[in-house]
C-alpha atoms as a PDB file:
ATOM      1  CA  UNK A   1      17.928   4.571  -7.599  1.00  0.00           C
ATOM      2  CA  UNK A   2      19.946   2.128  -5.499  1.00  0.00           C
ATOM      3  CA  UNK A   3      20.831  -1.316  -6.805  1.00  0.00           C
ATOM      4  CA  UNK A   4      18.731  -4.106  -5.293  1.00  0.00           C
ATOM      5  CA  UNK A   5      19.102  -7.868  -4.986  1.00  0.00           C
ATOM      6  CA  UNK A   6      15.470  -8.695  -4.237  1.00  0.00           C
ATOM      7  CA  UNK A   7      13.644  -5.966  -6.187  1.00  0.00           C
ATOM      8  CA  UNK A   8      13.333  -4.494  -9.641  1.00  0.00           C
ATOM      9  CA  UNK A   9      12.629  -0.753  -9.643  1.00  0.00           C
ATOM     10  CA  UNK A  10      11.637   0.729 -12.997  1.00  0.00           C
ATOM     11  CA  UNK A  11      10.280   4.165 -13.866  1.00  0.00           C
ATOM     12  CA  UNK A  12       8.041   4.939 -16.833  1.00  0.00           C
ATOM     13  CA  UNK A  13       7.099   8.600 -17.172  1.00  0.00           C
ATOM     14  CA  UNK A  14       5.726   9.650 -13.747  1.00  0.00           C
ATOM     15  CA  UNK A  15       5.112   6.154 -12.377  1.00  0.00           C
ATOM     16  CA  UNK A  16       7.599   3.870 -10.600  1.00  0.00           C
ATOM     17  CA  UNK A  17       7.028   0.120 -10.529  1.00  0.00           C
ATOM     18  CA  UNK A  18       8.559  -1.892  -7.683  1.00  0.00           C
ATOM     19  CA  UNK A  19       8.556  -5.629  -8.388  1.00  0.00           C
ATOM     20  CA  UNK A  20       9.414  -7.971  -5.531  1.00  0.00           C
ATOM     21  CA  UNK A  21      11.767 -10.469  -7.178  1.00  0.00           C
ATOM     22  CA  UNK A  22      12.237 -13.381  -4.759  1.00  0.00           C
ATOM     23  CA  UNK A  23      10.036 -15.817  -6.639  1.00  0.00           C
ATOM     24  CA  UNK A  24      12.021 -18.795  -5.357  1.00  0.00           C
ATOM     25  CA  UNK A  25      11.114 -17.706  -1.789  1.00  0.00           C
ATOM     26  CA  UNK A  26       7.547 -16.673  -2.724  1.00  0.00           C
ATOM     27  CA  UNK A  27       8.603 -13.029  -2.260  1.00  0.00           C
ATOM     28  CA  UNK A  28       8.802 -13.596   1.485  1.00  0.00           C
ATOM     29  CA  UNK A  29       9.989 -10.634   3.536  1.00  0.00           C
ATOM     30  CA  UNK A  30      13.453 -11.315   4.927  1.00  0.00           C
ATOM     31  CA  UNK A  31      15.283  -8.514   6.706  1.00  0.00           C
ATOM     32  CA  UNK A  32      17.280  -7.762   3.549  1.00  0.00           C
ATOM     33  CA  UNK A  33      14.139  -7.671   1.434  1.00  0.00           C
ATOM     34  CA  UNK A  34      12.437  -5.295   3.871  1.00  0.00           C
ATOM     35  CA  UNK A  35      15.460  -2.970   3.866  1.00  0.00           C
ATOM     36  CA  UNK A  36      15.416  -2.860   0.066  1.00  0.00           C
ATOM     37  CA  UNK A  37      11.691  -2.109  -0.034  1.00  0.00           C
ATOM     38  CA  UNK A  38      12.054   0.625   2.575  1.00  0.00           C
ATOM     39  CA  UNK A  39      15.016   2.153   0.709  1.00  0.00           C
ATOM     40  CA  UNK A  40      13.134   2.117  -2.585  1.00  0.00           C
ATOM     41  CA  UNK A  41      10.053   3.818  -1.143  1.00  0.00           C
ATOM     42  CA  UNK A  42      12.156   6.468   0.591  1.00  0.00           C
ATOM     43  CA  UNK A  43      14.006   7.229  -2.631  1.00  0.00           C
ATOM     44  CA  UNK A  44      10.755   7.452  -4.574  1.00  0.00           C
ATOM     45  CA  UNK A  45       9.269   9.731  -1.905  1.00  0.00           C
ATOM     46  CA  UNK A  46      12.060  12.234  -2.592  1.00  0.00           C
ATOM     47  CA  UNK A  47      11.484  12.093  -6.355  1.00  0.00           C
ATOM     48  CA  UNK A  48       8.979  13.862  -8.629  1.00  0.00           C
ATOM     49  CA  UNK A  49       7.108  10.627  -9.408  1.00  0.00           C
ATOM     50  CA  UNK A  50       3.346  10.755  -8.892  1.00  0.00           C
ATOM     51  CA  UNK A  51       2.510   7.059  -8.513  1.00  0.00           C
ATOM     52  CA  UNK A  52       3.959   3.724  -7.415  1.00  0.00           C
ATOM     53  CA  UNK A  53       2.893   0.230  -8.443  1.00  0.00           C
ATOM     54  CA  UNK A  54       3.888  -2.557  -6.030  1.00  0.00           C
ATOM     55  CA  UNK A  55       3.985  -5.938  -7.772  1.00  0.00           C
ATOM     56  CA  UNK A  56       5.430  -9.404  -7.268  1.00  0.00           C
ATOM     57  CA  UNK A  57       7.296 -11.852  -9.524  1.00  0.00           C
ATOM     58  CA  UNK A  58       6.390 -15.533  -9.710  1.00  0.00           C
ATOM     59  CA  UNK A  59       3.162 -17.315  -8.728  1.00  0.00           C
ATOM     60  CA  UNK A  60       2.760 -15.588  -5.320  1.00  0.00           C
ATOM     61  CA  UNK A  61       2.424 -11.862  -4.604  1.00  0.00           C
ATOM     62  CA  UNK A  62       3.994 -12.153  -1.151  1.00  0.00           C
ATOM     63  CA  UNK A  63       4.030 -15.008   1.372  1.00  0.00           C
ATOM     64  CA  UNK A  64       4.708 -12.801   4.406  1.00  0.00           C
ATOM     65  CA  UNK A  65       7.724 -12.993   6.671  1.00  0.00           C
ATOM     66  CA  UNK A  66      10.574 -15.324   5.726  1.00  0.00           C
ATOM     67  CA  UNK A  67      10.392 -17.942   8.480  1.00  0.00           C
ATOM     68  CA  UNK A  68      14.011 -18.991   7.872  1.00  0.00           C
ATOM     69  CA  UNK A  69      15.048 -15.468   8.844  1.00  0.00           C
ATOM     70  CA  UNK A  70      12.611 -15.260  11.776  1.00  0.00           C
ATOM     71  CA  UNK A  71      13.583 -18.651  13.215  1.00  0.00           C
ATOM     72  CA  UNK A  72      17.270 -17.666  13.261  1.00  0.00           C
ATOM     73  CA  UNK A  73      16.627 -14.590  15.447  1.00  0.00           C
ATOM     74  CA  UNK A  74      16.300 -14.146  19.192  1.00  0.00           C
ATOM     75  CA  UNK A  75      13.642 -11.935  20.790  1.00  0.00           C
ATOM     76  CA  UNK A  76      15.520  -8.709  20.131  1.00  0.00           C
ATOM     77  CA  UNK A  77      16.237  -9.766  16.576  1.00  0.00           C
ATOM     78  CA  UNK A  78      12.565 -10.499  15.844  1.00  0.00           C
ATOM     79  CA  UNK A  79      11.592  -7.210  17.449  1.00  0.00           C
ATOM     80  CA  UNK A  80      14.017  -5.426  15.105  1.00  0.00           C
ATOM     81  CA  UNK A  81      12.576  -7.291  12.118  1.00  0.00           C
ATOM     82  CA  UNK A  82       9.000  -6.376  13.013  1.00  0.00           C
ATOM     83  CA  UNK A  83      10.009  -2.767  13.642  1.00  0.00           C
ATOM     84  CA  UNK A  84      11.585  -2.678  10.196  1.00  0.00           C
ATOM     85  CA  UNK A  85       8.407  -4.119   8.689  1.00  0.00           C
ATOM     86  CA  UNK A  86       6.269  -1.565  10.532  1.00  0.00           C
ATOM     87  CA  UNK A  87       8.518   1.244   9.278  1.00  0.00           C
ATOM     88  CA  UNK A  88       7.953   0.008   5.725  1.00  0.00           C
ATOM     89  CA  UNK A  89       4.162  -0.119   6.098  1.00  0.00           C
ATOM     90  CA  UNK A  90       3.998   3.350   7.595  1.00  0.00           C
ATOM     91  CA  UNK A  91       6.351   4.709   4.949  1.00  0.00           C
ATOM     92  CA  UNK A  92       4.056   3.394   2.209  1.00  0.00           C
ATOM     93  CA  UNK A  93       1.248   5.379   3.819  1.00  0.00           C
ATOM     94  CA  UNK A  94       3.369   8.506   4.296  1.00  0.00           C
ATOM     95  CA  UNK A  95       5.010   8.883   0.871  1.00  0.00           C
ATOM     96  CA  UNK A  96       3.455  11.695  -1.210  1.00  0.00           C
ATOM     97  CA  UNK A  97       2.863   9.358  -4.164  1.00  0.00           C
ATOM     98  CA  UNK A  98      -0.266   7.271  -4.688  1.00  0.00           C
ATOM     99  CA  UNK A  99       0.705   3.628  -4.056  1.00  0.00           C
ATOM    100  CA  UNK A 100      -1.282   0.818  -5.687  1.00  0.00           C
ATOM    101  CA  UNK A 101      -0.806  -2.906  -5.096  1.00  0.00           C
ATOM    102  CA  UNK A 102      -0.926  -5.125  -8.188  1.00  0.00           C
ATOM    103  CA  UNK A 103      -1.955  -8.453  -6.654  1.00  0.00           C
ATOM    104  CA  UNK A 104      -1.694 -11.301  -9.135  1.00  0.00           C
ATOM    105  CA  UNK A 105      -1.557 -14.221  -6.674  1.00  0.00           C
ATOM    106  CA  UNK A 106      -1.638 -15.209  -3.022  1.00  0.00           C
ATOM    107  CA  UNK A 107      -0.957 -12.513  -0.400  1.00  0.00           C
ATOM    108  CA  UNK A 108      -0.569 -13.964   3.085  1.00  0.00           C
ATOM    109  CA  UNK A 109       0.323 -12.594   6.519  1.00  0.00           C
ATOM    110  CA  UNK A 110       2.720  -9.641   6.032  1.00  0.00           C
ATOM    111  CA  UNK A 111       1.953  -9.910   2.317  1.00  0.00           C
ATOM    112  CA  UNK A 112      -1.688  -9.203   3.108  1.00  0.00           C
ATOM    113  CA  UNK A 113      -0.423  -6.420   5.379  1.00  0.00           C
ATOM    114  CA  UNK A 114       1.390  -4.921   2.376  1.00  0.00           C
ATOM    115  CA  UNK A 115      -1.823  -4.882   0.347  1.00  0.00           C
ATOM    116  CA  UNK A 116      -3.773  -3.251   3.190  1.00  0.00           C
ATOM    117  CA  UNK A 117      -1.052  -0.625   3.664  1.00  0.00           C
ATOM    118  CA  UNK A 118      -1.147   0.502   0.030  1.00  0.00           C
ATOM    119  CA  UNK A 119      -3.542   3.324  -0.836  1.00  0.00           C
ATOM    120  CA  UNK A 120      -5.258   1.256  -3.527  1.00  0.00           C
ATOM    121  CA  UNK A 121      -5.227  -2.367  -4.670  1.00  0.00           C
ATOM    122  CA  UNK A 122      -6.271  -4.211  -7.810  1.00  0.00           C
ATOM    123  CA  UNK A 123      -6.350  -8.016  -7.783  1.00  0.00           C
ATOM    124  CA  UNK A 124      -6.538 -10.704 -10.400  1.00  0.00           C
ATOM    125  CA  UNK A 125      -9.386 -13.194 -10.084  1.00  0.00           C
ATOM    126  CA  UNK A 126      -6.831 -15.860  -9.089  1.00  0.00           C
ATOM    127  CA  UNK A 127      -5.542 -13.838  -6.107  1.00  0.00           C
ATOM    128  CA  UNK A 128      -6.301 -14.831  -2.528  1.00  0.00           C
ATOM    129  CA  UNK A 129      -5.674 -13.273   0.872  1.00  0.00           C
ATOM    130  CA  UNK A 130      -4.963 -14.811   4.276  1.00  0.00           C
ATOM    131  CA  UNK A 131      -3.739 -14.187   7.806  1.00  0.00           C
ATOM    132  CA  UNK A 132      -2.680 -17.812   8.380  1.00  0.00           C
ATOM    133  CA  UNK A 133      -1.246 -17.389  11.879  1.00  0.00           C
ATOM    134  CA  UNK A 134      -4.649 -18.192  13.326  1.00  0.00           C
ATOM    135  CA  UNK A 135      -4.252 -21.857  12.352  1.00  0.00           C
ATOM    136  CA  UNK A 136      -0.552 -21.974  13.136  1.00  0.00           C
ATOM    137  CA  UNK A 137       1.701 -21.137  16.038  1.00  0.00           C
ATOM    138  CA  UNK A 138       2.599 -17.503  15.324  1.00  0.00           C
ATOM    139  CA  UNK A 139      -0.510 -15.303  15.235  1.00  0.00           C
ATOM    140  CA  UNK A 140      -0.617 -12.469  12.684  1.00  0.00           C
ATOM    141  CA  UNK A 141      -0.593  -9.667  15.255  1.00  0.00           C
ATOM    142  CA  UNK A 142       1.048  -6.898  13.206  1.00  0.00           C
ATOM    143  CA  UNK A 143      -0.490  -7.815   9.827  1.00  0.00           C
ATOM    144  CA  UNK A 144      -3.902  -7.490  11.483  1.00  0.00           C
ATOM    145  CA  UNK A 145      -3.342  -3.779  12.200  1.00  0.00           C
ATOM    146  CA  UNK A 146      -3.860  -2.332   8.686  1.00  0.00           C
ATOM    147  CA  UNK A 147      -6.140  -5.190   7.603  1.00  0.00           C
ATOM    148  CA  UNK A 148      -8.557  -4.350  10.442  1.00  0.00           C
ATOM    149  CA  UNK A 149      -8.650  -0.759   9.253  1.00  0.00           C
ATOM    150  CA  UNK A 150      -9.628  -1.944   5.775  1.00  0.00           C
ATOM    151  CA  UNK A 151     -12.250  -4.606   6.481  1.00  0.00           C
ATOM    152  CA  UNK A 152     -13.633  -3.997   9.984  1.00  0.00           C
ATOM    153  CA  UNK A 153     -13.608  -6.031  13.190  1.00  0.00           C
ATOM    154  CA  UNK A 154     -15.858  -9.007  12.467  1.00  0.00           C
ATOM    155  CA  UNK A 155     -14.291  -9.771   9.084  1.00  0.00           C
ATOM    156  CA  UNK A 156     -10.814  -9.248  10.538  1.00  0.00           C
ATOM    157  CA  UNK A 157     -11.604 -11.714  13.326  1.00  0.00           C
ATOM    158  CA  UNK A 158     -12.792 -14.311  10.819  1.00  0.00           C
ATOM    159  CA  UNK A 159      -9.672 -13.879   8.710  1.00  0.00           C
ATOM    160  CA  UNK A 160      -7.286 -13.848  11.684  1.00  0.00           C
ATOM    161  CA  UNK A 161      -8.849 -16.564  13.850  1.00  0.00           C
ATOM    162  CA  UNK A 162      -9.534 -19.133  11.123  1.00  0.00           C
ATOM    163  CA  UNK A 163      -6.371 -18.496   9.152  1.00  0.00           C
ATOM    164  CA  UNK A 164      -8.326 -19.416   6.029  1.00  0.00           C
ATOM    165  CA  UNK A 165      -7.750 -17.653   2.718  1.00  0.00           C
ATOM    166  CA  UNK A 166     -10.498 -15.610   1.099  1.00  0.00           C
ATOM    167  CA  UNK A 167     -10.770 -15.281  -2.649  1.00  0.00           C
ATOM    168  CA  UNK A 168     -10.373 -12.042  -4.559  1.00  0.00           C
ATOM    169  CA  UNK A 169     -14.095 -11.385  -4.941  1.00  0.00           C
ATOM    170  CA  UNK A 170     -14.587 -11.738  -1.188  1.00  0.00           C
ATOM    171  CA  UNK A 171     -11.639  -9.415  -0.564  1.00  0.00           C
ATOM    172  CA  UNK A 172     -13.254  -6.876  -2.884  1.00  0.00           C
ATOM    173  CA  UNK A 173     -16.598  -7.167  -1.131  1.00  0.00           C
ATOM    174  CA  UNK A 174     -14.901  -6.767   2.257  1.00  0.00           C
ATOM    175  CA  UNK A 175     -12.954  -3.677   1.157  1.00  0.00           C
ATOM    176  CA  UNK A 176      -9.420  -5.076   1.095  1.00  0.00           C
ATOM    177  CA  UNK A 177      -9.040  -4.418  -2.644  1.00  0.00           C
ATOM    178  CA  UNK A 178     -10.676  -1.887  -4.970  1.00  0.00           C
ATOM    179  CA  UNK A 179     -11.064  -3.971  -8.123  1.00  0.00           C
ATOM    180  CA  UNK A 180     -10.925  -7.611  -9.234  1.00  0.00           C
ATOM    181  CA  UNK A 181     -10.301  -8.336 -12.897  1.00  0.00           C
ATOM    182  CA  UNK A 182      -9.204 -11.254 -15.093  1.00  0.00           C
ATOM    183  CA  UNK A 183      -5.442 -11.751 -14.985  1.00  0.00           C
ATOM    184  CA  UNK A 184      -5.076 -10.643 -18.604  1.00  0.00           C
ATOM    185  CA  UNK A 185      -6.614  -7.266 -17.688  1.00  0.00           C
ATOM    186  CA  UNK A 186      -4.652  -6.677 -14.478  1.00  0.00           C
ATOM    187  CA  UNK A 187      -2.055  -4.243 -15.819  1.00  0.00           C
ATOM    188  CA  UNK A 188      -4.687  -2.263 -17.714  1.00  0.00           C
ATOM    189  CA  UNK A 189      -6.888  -2.002 -14.624  1.00  0.00           C
ATOM    190  CA  UNK A 190      -3.943  -0.933 -12.439  1.00  0.00           C
ATOM    191  CA  UNK A 191      -2.932   1.746 -14.954  1.00  0.00           C
ATOM    192  CA  UNK A 192      -6.501   3.014 -15.281  1.00  0.00           C
ATOM    193  CA  UNK A 193      -7.110   3.358 -11.532  1.00  0.00           C
ATOM    194  CA  UNK A 194      -3.681   4.855 -10.867  1.00  0.00           C
ATOM    195  CA  UNK A 195      -4.097   7.306 -13.729  1.00  0.00           C
ATOM    196  CA  UNK A 196      -7.380   8.554 -12.330  1.00  0.00           C
ATOM    197  CA  UNK A 197      -5.993   8.685  -8.777  1.00  0.00           C
ATOM    198  CA  UNK A 198      -2.930  10.739  -9.748  1.00  0.00           C
ATOM    199  CA  UNK A 199      -4.528  13.444 -11.908  1.00  0.00           C
ATOM    200  CA  UNK A 200      -4.646  16.975 -10.555  1.00  0.00           C
ATOM    201  CA  UNK A 201      -2.196  18.726  -8.273  1.00  0.00           C
ATOM    202  CA  UNK A 202       0.586  16.475  -6.993  1.00  0.00           C
ATOM    203  CA  UNK A 203       1.136  18.673  -3.905  1.00  0.00           C
ATOM    204  CA  UNK A 204      -2.572  18.903  -3.156  1.00  0.00           C
ATOM    205  CA  UNK A 205      -2.975  15.143  -3.411  1.00  0.00           C
ATOM    206  CA  UNK A 206       0.070  14.490  -1.207  1.00  0.00           C
ATOM    207  CA  UNK A 207      -1.380  16.706   1.523  1.00  0.00           C
ATOM    208  CA  UNK A 208      -4.746  15.015   1.113  1.00  0.00           C
ATOM    209  CA  UNK A 209      -3.259  11.552   1.527  1.00  0.00           C
ATOM    210  CA  UNK A 210      -1.331  12.632   4.621  1.00  0.00           C
ATOM    211  CA  UNK A 211      -4.443  14.129   6.200  1.00  0.00           C
ATOM    212  CA  UNK A 212      -6.643  11.126   5.482  1.00  0.00           C
ATOM    213  CA  UNK A 213      -4.243   8.809   7.287  1.00  0.00           C
ATOM    214  CA  UNK A 214      -3.907  11.294  10.160  1.00  0.00           C
ATOM    215  CA  UNK A 215      -7.663  11.425  10.809  1.00  0.00           C
ATOM    216  CA  UNK A 216      -8.631   7.810  10.127  1.00  0.00           C
ATOM    217  CA  UNK A 217      -9.832   5.898  13.184  1.00  0.00           C
ATOM    218  CA  UNK A 218      -9.923   9.003  15.372  1.00  0.00           C
ATOM    219  CA  UNK A 219     -13.132  10.138  17.061  1.00  0.00           C
ATOM    220  CA  UNK A 220     -15.238  12.234  14.697  1.00  0.00           C
ATOM    221  CA  UNK A 221     -14.609  15.499  16.559  1.00  0.00           C
ATOM    222  CA  UNK A 222     -10.837  14.979  16.472  1.00  0.00           C
ATOM    223  CA  UNK A 223     -10.961  13.983  12.800  1.00  0.00           C
ATOM    224  CA  UNK A 224     -12.860  17.151  11.923  1.00  0.00           C
ATOM    225  CA  UNK A 225     -10.433  19.286  13.943  1.00  0.00           C
ATOM    226  CA  UNK A 226      -7.508  17.908  11.950  1.00  0.00           C
ATOM    227  CA  UNK A 227      -9.225  18.076   8.560  1.00  0.00           C
ATOM    228  CA  UNK A 228     -10.625  21.571   9.120  1.00  0.00           C
ATOM    229  CA  UNK A 229      -7.262  23.158   9.895  1.00  0.00           C
ATOM    230  CA  UNK A 230      -5.496  21.413   7.030  1.00  0.00           C
ATOM    231  CA  UNK A 231      -8.237  22.272   4.532  1.00  0.00           C
ATOM    232  CA  UNK A 232      -8.267  25.922   5.612  1.00  0.00           C
ATOM    233  CA  UNK A 233      -4.501  26.212   5.226  1.00  0.00           C
ATOM    234  CA  UNK A 234      -4.588  24.358   1.915  1.00  0.00           C
ATOM    235  CA  UNK A 235      -7.032  26.901   0.481  1.00  0.00           C
ATOM    236  CA  UNK A 236      -4.166  29.371   0.338  1.00  0.00           C
ATOM    237  CA  UNK A 237      -1.809  27.169  -1.683  1.00  0.00           C
ATOM    238  CA  UNK A 238      -1.013  27.758  -5.339  1.00  0.00           C
ATOM    239  CA  UNK A 239      -2.677  24.465  -6.279  1.00  0.00           C
ATOM    240  CA  UNK A 240      -5.972  25.330  -4.579  1.00  0.00           C
ATOM    241  CA  UNK A 241      -6.026  28.847  -5.992  1.00  0.00           C
ATOM    242  CA  UNK A 242      -5.358  27.562  -9.502  1.00  0.00           C
ATOM    243  CA  UNK A 243      -8.026  24.883  -9.176  1.00  0.00           C
ATOM    244  CA  UNK A 244     -10.652  27.376  -8.058  1.00  0.00           C
ATOM    245  CA  UNK A 245      -9.631  29.952 -10.682  1.00  0.00           C
ATOM    246  CA  UNK A 246      -9.827  27.334 -13.442  1.00  0.00           C
ATOM    247  CA  UNK A 247     -13.319  26.321 -12.282  1.00  0.00           C
ATOM    248  CA  UNK A 248     -14.561  29.909 -12.094  1.00  0.00           C
ATOM    249  CA  UNK A 249     -13.001  30.851 -15.430  1.00  0.00           C
ATOM    250  CA  UNK A 250     -14.241  27.625 -17.088  1.00  0.00           C
ATOM    251  CA  UNK A 251     -10.804  26.592 -18.324  1.00  0.00           C
ATOM    252  CA  UNK A 252      -8.445  23.636 -17.821  1.00  0.00           C
ATOM    253  CA  UNK A 253      -6.242  23.964 -14.744  1.00  0.00           C
ATOM    254  CA  UNK A 254      -2.494  24.376 -15.188  1.00  0.00           C
ATOM    255  CA  UNK A 255      -0.572  22.593 -12.430  1.00  0.00           C
ATOM    256  CA  UNK A 256       2.939  23.806 -11.663  1.00  0.00           C
ATOM    257  CA  UNK A 257       3.828  21.347  -8.862  1.00  0.00           C
END
């Protein structure tokens, strides 16, 4: 793994933990921080890890874009920054590993976008979520993209237009996070959900994740066309054949991927 200034990347068994480590800047996403996150996810994607935990150091999970960096850029520079951020979000969705956000504190703007872009999310009761551009001068246009796909239009409009934060229980009810637990139980809950989400065939799950993101938000007929072809082809893979044989023979499956 590459050396990082703004991250800690640690692997335990089959799981890699990425900890954003800019506590003094509330883990805000400067260009350098985004490059490090993108590099880390790309390296993990090429590894044999099965899961990734995305966490933050300090009192805040992630405060969004670093305004000091944004304010110093011209139009082309901001466009490059937002393109880099978009590349990161789409990479999180495309990596073969299951990615889970461990949200211990406030996640605002692009920080909320990070949570929405992860496959799963577990939050502490103290966590909160906001798209604050609605009550400021720079609307949260790009953060709203994955958040809308998690919580729906009306809730997205409330979050984006008011700029107000919602608490963790509301975020759970809206579908932005999967679980809310006391802070003392956060790591245990993350490990439990990730463990259940990563069991089975690694290759089969990677293809499943890719297909889900490919068919989401498409018309039903298009979604079925994509899913049908992928599922038919997947039936011929070693993982599918082993899974079916194990079921028919009433024995534990043996995964070789």
